[in-house]
Protein backbone atom coordinates (compact mmCIF):
# COMPACT_ATOMS: atom_id res chain seq x y z
CA MET A 1 85.70 117.41 111.57
CA ARG A 2 86.89 115.12 108.63
CA PHE A 3 83.49 113.05 106.81
CA TRP A 4 85.58 110.73 103.90
CA VAL A 5 84.33 108.94 101.00
CA ILE A 6 81.11 109.40 99.90
CA SER A 7 79.25 111.13 102.82
CA ILE A 8 80.21 109.35 106.46
CA PHE A 9 82.95 107.68 106.15
CA LEU A 10 84.61 106.11 109.06
CA ALA A 11 88.57 105.94 110.41
CA LEU A 12 89.82 103.06 112.74
CA PHE A 13 89.66 105.52 115.85
CA ALA A 14 92.29 105.09 117.67
CA VAL A 15 94.06 106.08 120.77
CA THR A 16 97.45 107.69 120.85
CA PRO A 17 100.63 108.00 123.37
CA GLY A 18 99.94 110.55 126.46
CA THR A 19 103.10 111.89 126.52
CA PRO A 20 104.42 114.48 124.05
CA VAL A 21 107.56 113.96 122.43
CA ALA A 22 109.69 115.16 120.81
CA ALA A 23 110.23 113.84 116.49
CA ASP A 24 110.51 109.83 117.40
CA LYS A 25 110.12 107.33 114.26
CA ALA A 26 107.85 105.02 116.35
CA THR A 27 105.94 107.76 117.49
CA TYR A 28 105.62 108.71 113.67
CA VAL A 29 105.29 105.64 112.22
CA ASP A 30 102.83 105.08 114.44
CA LEU A 31 100.75 108.12 114.30
CA ALA A 32 100.60 107.85 110.84
CA ARG A 33 99.52 103.93 110.88
CA LEU A 34 96.44 105.60 112.75
CA GLY A 35 96.11 108.54 110.66
CA TRP A 36 96.70 106.83 107.16
CA ASN A 37 95.87 103.14 107.30
CA TYR A 38 92.52 103.24 107.99
CA GLN A 39 89.55 101.17 106.16
CA LEU A 40 86.79 101.85 105.09
CA ARG A 41 83.38 100.59 107.21
CA THR A 42 80.44 102.54 106.34
CA THR A 43 78.50 104.86 103.62
CA MET A 44 76.23 106.75 102.58
CA ILE A 45 73.04 104.68 102.25
CA GLY A 46 71.79 104.33 98.68
CA ARG A 47 74.98 104.87 96.99
CA ASP A 48 75.93 102.62 93.88
CA MET A 49 78.63 100.35 95.60
CA SER A 50 79.57 99.17 92.20
CA ILE A 51 81.51 102.16 92.60
CA PRO A 52 85.11 101.70 92.88
CA ILE A 53 87.42 103.37 95.46
CA ARG A 54 90.68 104.64 95.19
CA ILE A 55 92.73 106.48 98.40
CA HIS A 56 95.89 108.54 97.33
CA GLY A 57 96.62 111.56 99.29
CA ARG A 58 98.34 112.88 96.35
CA ASP A 59 95.55 112.78 94.49
CA LEU A 60 94.59 116.04 94.76
CA ALA A 61 97.68 117.71 93.85
CA GLY A 62 98.03 120.34 91.48
CA ALA A 63 93.83 120.84 91.44
CA SER A 64 92.11 123.93 91.30
CA LEU A 65 90.84 125.51 94.15
CA CYS A 66 86.98 126.77 93.40
CA ILE A 67 85.61 129.10 95.96
CA VAL A 68 82.01 129.45 96.18
CA GLY A 69 79.39 131.40 98.67
CA GLU A 70 81.10 134.17 99.94
CA GLN A 71 84.37 135.91 98.74
CA PRO A 72 87.13 135.33 100.98
CA HIS A 73 87.78 137.10 104.26
CA PRO A 74 90.74 138.54 104.74
CA HIS A 75 91.84 136.23 107.18
CA SER A 76 90.88 133.57 105.19
CA LEU A 77 92.43 134.57 102.30
CA ALA A 78 95.45 135.02 104.46
CA THR A 79 95.42 130.99 105.29
CA ILE A 80 94.02 129.65 102.41
CA ASN A 81 96.80 131.22 100.71
CA ALA A 82 99.99 130.45 102.90
CA PHE A 83 98.59 126.80 102.73
CA ARG A 84 98.74 127.21 98.83
CA ASP A 85 102.38 128.10 98.98
CA LEU A 86 102.88 125.37 101.60
CA SER A 87 100.84 122.81 98.72
CA GLU A 88 103.17 124.06 96.23
CA HIS A 89 106.58 123.93 97.64
CA VAL A 90 106.11 119.85 99.18
CA PHE A 91 103.66 118.84 95.94
CA GLY A 92 105.78 120.70 93.24
CA LYS A 93 102.88 121.56 91.44
CA PRO A 94 100.71 125.04 91.71
CA LEU A 95 96.77 124.93 93.56
CA THR A 96 95.29 127.20 91.20
CA MET A 97 91.91 129.27 92.93
CA ARG A 98 89.17 130.92 91.45
CA HIS A 99 85.98 132.02 92.65
CA ALA A 100 83.12 130.62 91.22
CA GLY A 101 80.16 132.84 92.11
CA ASN A 102 77.58 131.53 94.55
CA ASP A 103 76.49 128.43 92.49
CA ALA A 104 79.36 124.79 92.38
CA SER A 105 78.52 124.55 89.33
CA GLY A 106 80.22 127.14 88.13
CA CYS A 107 83.56 125.86 89.33
CA GLY A 108 83.36 123.01 85.85
CA SER A 109 84.47 119.52 86.27
CA GLY A 110 87.84 117.88 86.28
CA ARG A 111 90.90 117.98 89.30
CA THR A 112 88.51 120.71 91.84
CA VAL A 113 88.08 120.84 94.47
CA VAL A 114 84.74 122.84 95.57
CA LEU A 115 85.65 125.00 99.17
CA ARG A 116 82.23 126.73 100.01
CA LEU A 117 82.82 129.88 102.82
CA TYR A 118 79.69 131.23 104.25
CA SER A 119 79.17 133.26 107.60
CA GLY A 120 75.47 133.43 109.49
CA HIS A 121 73.55 130.67 108.83
CA PRO A 122 74.29 127.49 107.71
CA PRO A 123 73.21 127.46 103.87
CA HIS A 124 71.39 123.98 103.96
CA ARG A 125 70.46 124.52 100.60
CA ALA A 126 73.69 125.54 99.25
CA LEU A 127 75.26 122.21 100.07
CA SER A 128 72.54 120.43 98.86
CA SER A 129 72.99 122.33 95.29
CA ASP A 130 76.59 121.53 95.65
CA LEU A 131 76.31 117.94 95.88
CA SER A 132 73.59 117.25 93.63
CA TRP A 133 75.82 119.17 90.51
CA MET A 134 78.96 116.97 91.96
CA ASN A 135 76.53 113.39 91.63
CA GLN A 136 75.62 115.19 88.03
CA ILE A 137 79.06 116.17 86.94
CA TYR A 138 80.67 112.83 88.79
CA GLU A 139 77.92 109.91 88.33
CA LEU A 140 78.66 109.65 92.33
CA GLY A 141 75.78 106.88 92.56
CA LEU A 142 74.35 109.44 94.98
CA PRO A 143 70.31 109.04 95.48
CA GLU A 144 69.19 111.59 93.40
CA ARG A 145 67.18 114.76 95.12
CA ARG A 146 68.65 114.19 98.52
CA GLN A 147 68.61 116.50 100.83
CA TYR A 148 71.49 117.56 103.50
CA SER A 149 72.11 119.41 106.37
CA VAL A 150 75.28 121.09 107.24
CA SER A 151 76.69 119.46 110.47
CA SER A 152 79.36 121.37 111.36
CA PRO A 153 80.66 124.75 111.49
CA ALA A 154 83.62 122.94 109.66
CA MET A 155 83.18 119.72 106.82
CA ALA A 156 84.75 117.95 103.94
CA GLN A 157 83.63 115.18 101.91
CA THR A 158 85.51 113.60 99.20
CA PHE A 159 82.99 111.40 96.52
CA PHE A 160 84.03 108.59 94.23
CA GLY A 161 82.18 108.25 91.24
CA ARG A 162 82.33 106.59 88.09
CA ARG A 163 83.61 109.81 86.20
CA GLY A 164 86.34 110.44 88.66
CA GLN A 165 86.76 111.93 92.09
CA GLY A 166 84.67 115.49 93.91
CA THR A 167 85.61 117.09 97.13
CA HIS A 168 83.59 119.38 98.34
CA ILE A 169 85.07 121.63 101.86
CA MET A 170 82.56 124.10 103.23
CA VAL A 171 83.85 126.09 106.37
CA LYS A 172 82.28 128.98 108.03
CA GLN A 173 84.43 132.03 108.37
CA PRO A 174 84.12 135.34 109.75
CA ALA A 175 81.38 137.76 109.82
CA ARG A 176 82.72 141.40 111.14
CA ALA A 177 85.73 142.70 109.21
CA ARG A 178 87.86 142.64 112.03
CA PRO A 179 86.85 139.63 114.23
CA GLY A 180 88.80 139.52 117.97
CA THR A 181 91.43 137.13 118.67
CA LEU A 182 89.40 134.25 119.52
CA GLU A 183 87.28 134.49 116.74
CA ALA A 184 90.45 134.86 114.36
CA ALA A 185 92.10 131.40 115.79
CA PHE A 186 88.82 129.83 116.21
CA TYR A 187 87.94 130.03 112.01
CA LYS A 188 91.82 130.12 111.50
CA SER A 189 91.98 126.82 112.83
CA ILE A 190 89.19 124.99 111.06
CA LEU A 191 90.08 125.68 107.73
CA VAL A 192 93.42 124.90 108.37
CA GLU A 193 92.42 121.27 108.98
CA GLU A 194 89.85 120.80 106.40
CA LEU A 195 92.58 121.76 103.81
CA PHE A 196 95.04 119.32 105.11
CA GLN A 197 92.82 116.33 105.36
CA SER A 198 91.36 117.07 102.15
CA PHE A 199 94.57 117.37 99.71
CA THR A 200 96.87 114.44 102.25
CA PHE A 201 93.55 111.99 102.98
CA GLY A 202 94.38 111.99 106.70
CA MET A 203 91.97 111.22 108.93
CA ASP A 204 90.88 112.46 112.45
CA ILE A 205 92.74 110.89 115.33
CA LEU A 206 90.93 110.74 118.36
CA LEU A 207 93.06 111.49 121.64
CA PHE A 208 91.02 110.72 125.23
CA ASP A 209 93.51 112.40 127.02
CA PRO A 210 92.30 115.96 127.92
CA ASN A 211 96.21 116.76 129.09
CA ALA A 212 97.86 114.83 126.64
CA GLY A 213 100.25 116.88 124.39
CA PHE A 214 99.78 117.14 120.56
CA GLN A 215 101.81 116.01 118.10
CA SER A 216 99.17 116.14 114.78
CA LYS A 217 96.67 118.73 113.49
CA LEU A 218 94.32 115.13 113.22
CA GLN A 219 94.43 114.37 116.71
CA GLU A 220 91.36 115.88 118.74
CA THR A 221 89.90 115.46 121.94
CA PRO A 222 86.13 114.30 121.81
CA LEU A 223 83.76 116.92 123.19
CA ARG A 224 79.98 117.03 123.25
CA MET A 225 78.83 120.67 122.41
CA ASP A 226 75.75 119.85 120.60
CA ARG A 227 73.87 122.31 122.69
CA LEU A 228 76.24 125.13 121.85
CA SER A 229 76.02 128.32 118.99
CA TRP A 230 78.93 128.01 116.25
CA GLU A 231 79.24 131.23 116.85
CA SER A 232 79.53 131.31 120.79
CA SER A 233 82.23 132.22 122.82
CA ASP A 234 82.40 128.82 124.87
CA PHE A 235 82.02 126.88 121.46
CA MET A 236 85.03 128.29 120.13
CA ARG A 237 87.08 128.04 122.79
CA ALA A 238 85.94 124.30 123.56
CA MET A 239 87.05 123.43 120.00
CA LEU A 240 90.16 125.05 119.73
CA ARG A 241 91.16 123.06 123.07
CA SER A 242 90.54 120.16 121.47
CA ASN A 243 93.25 120.32 119.42
CA PRO A 244 96.45 122.22 117.70
CA ALA A 245 96.29 125.30 116.00
CA GLY A 246 97.62 124.92 113.46
CA LEU A 247 99.69 122.18 111.27
CA CYS A 248 102.64 120.27 113.34
CA ALA A 249 105.85 119.30 112.60
CA PHE A 250 103.99 115.72 111.94
CA ASP A 251 101.73 116.69 109.28
CA VAL A 252 104.59 118.80 107.66
CA PHE A 253 105.74 114.90 107.85
CA MET A 254 103.40 113.51 106.41
CA MET A 255 102.96 115.74 103.36
CA HIS A 256 106.85 115.11 102.34
CA ALA A 257 105.47 111.44 102.57
CA VAL A 258 102.66 111.58 100.81
CA ALA A 259 104.11 113.76 98.22
CA GLN A 260 106.78 111.47 97.52
CA THR A 261 105.77 107.81 98.14
CA SER A 262 104.99 105.60 95.25
CA VAL A 263 103.21 103.04 96.29
CA ASP A 264 99.37 102.83 94.78
CA GLN A 265 97.03 103.69 98.02
CA THR A 266 98.36 105.59 100.80
CA VAL A 267 95.77 103.93 103.00
CA ASP A 268 98.34 100.98 102.15
CA PRO A 269 100.83 99.02 104.92
CA LEU A 270 103.41 99.92 101.85
CA PHE A 271 103.20 103.92 102.50
CA ILE A 272 103.79 102.70 106.65
CA ASP A 273 106.38 100.64 105.51
CA PHE A 274 108.03 103.29 102.76
CA ILE A 275 107.21 106.24 106.29
CA ASP A 276 109.62 104.10 107.68
CA ARG A 277 112.10 103.06 105.71
CA GLU A 278 112.52 107.30 103.93
CA TYR A 279 112.38 108.49 107.85
CA GLU A 280 115.36 110.17 108.34
CA ALA A 281 115.38 111.79 104.93
CA LEU A 282 111.50 112.63 105.32
CA LEU A 283 112.21 114.57 108.90
CA ALA A 284 114.78 116.61 107.90
CA GLN A 285 112.80 118.01 105.23
CA ALA A 286 109.93 118.64 106.99
CA GLU A 287 112.25 120.44 109.52
CA VAL A 288 113.00 122.67 106.53
CA THR A 289 109.66 123.51 105.56
CA MET A 290 108.18 123.79 109.19
CA ALA A 291 110.86 126.88 109.48
CA ASP A 292 109.98 128.71 106.16
CA ASP A 293 108.30 131.87 107.05
CA ARG A 294 106.15 131.40 103.86
CA PHE A 295 104.25 128.78 105.30
CA ALA A 296 103.93 130.41 109.65
CA ALA A 297 100.04 131.10 109.08
CA VAL A 298 99.12 127.40 108.68
CA LEU A 299 101.67 126.11 111.16
CA ALA A 300 102.12 125.56 114.98
CA PRO A 301 105.69 124.22 115.74
CA GLY A 302 104.87 123.47 119.14
CA CYS A 303 101.66 121.20 118.00
CA GLN A 304 100.47 123.55 121.02
CA ARG A 305 96.55 124.88 121.31
CA SER A 306 96.05 127.77 120.43
CA PRO A 307 96.81 130.30 123.60
CA ILE A 308 93.20 131.46 123.85
């Protein structure tokens, strides 16, 4: 679940074709347009609107992943490391990682992605502290002393400031040492989604037909679950039914496209032209990557829902 630029960023949400198909050029180009060729619609109230925004999915290639809050659960660590391997394979730059303690201020400045992991109750104060620190470091122009709330078990925000951009990811992880099958699948799914969207700038694509086949981790079936506990089995099952279990062939295809395009911004229509022109080469690379066992922990080759 992605909250782009500043705190709220709206994409051009759209319905995709309802029938699942194999890799097809027209389908892939259309999905790429829905997921990447979006427009900024609104922003956080009070933000300094004079700060320029530049959106390129490759901006975080080779960045540092700084984990704060809890140490990664072994299941979380396996997912993170598989994604790091995938990112290095596609972008050709290592995605370094370290744990900086309980506070984001230990992450330092520069090209750093802050990943806060937690179990139990939503850490509203920690989120507010993280964003306040980022506001100072990157001069984001956010309202001073504002308090923020954790609105989802997985959320990511990219901010653009006068001293660069900063990305903050917050994901709930298992509390138990040995989570059950349902828990493990749920926590892996939400972590994979936030990492993928943060490192490619892909946007959610709403799929309104609950019986349609998925073709991308970006696709989500809209749900109303505001009265369910995030730790309940009903919530986890509903979330797992709402989108694929991991990254699909199209998602890996788009990672290769983002890595190789020469356009100034990946929200530019020229990026879609690049995909249309280089489709065959990108598809061949994606097929090789999907078959690599090193990345199996974050992939869903059939783009299926988790069998829970």
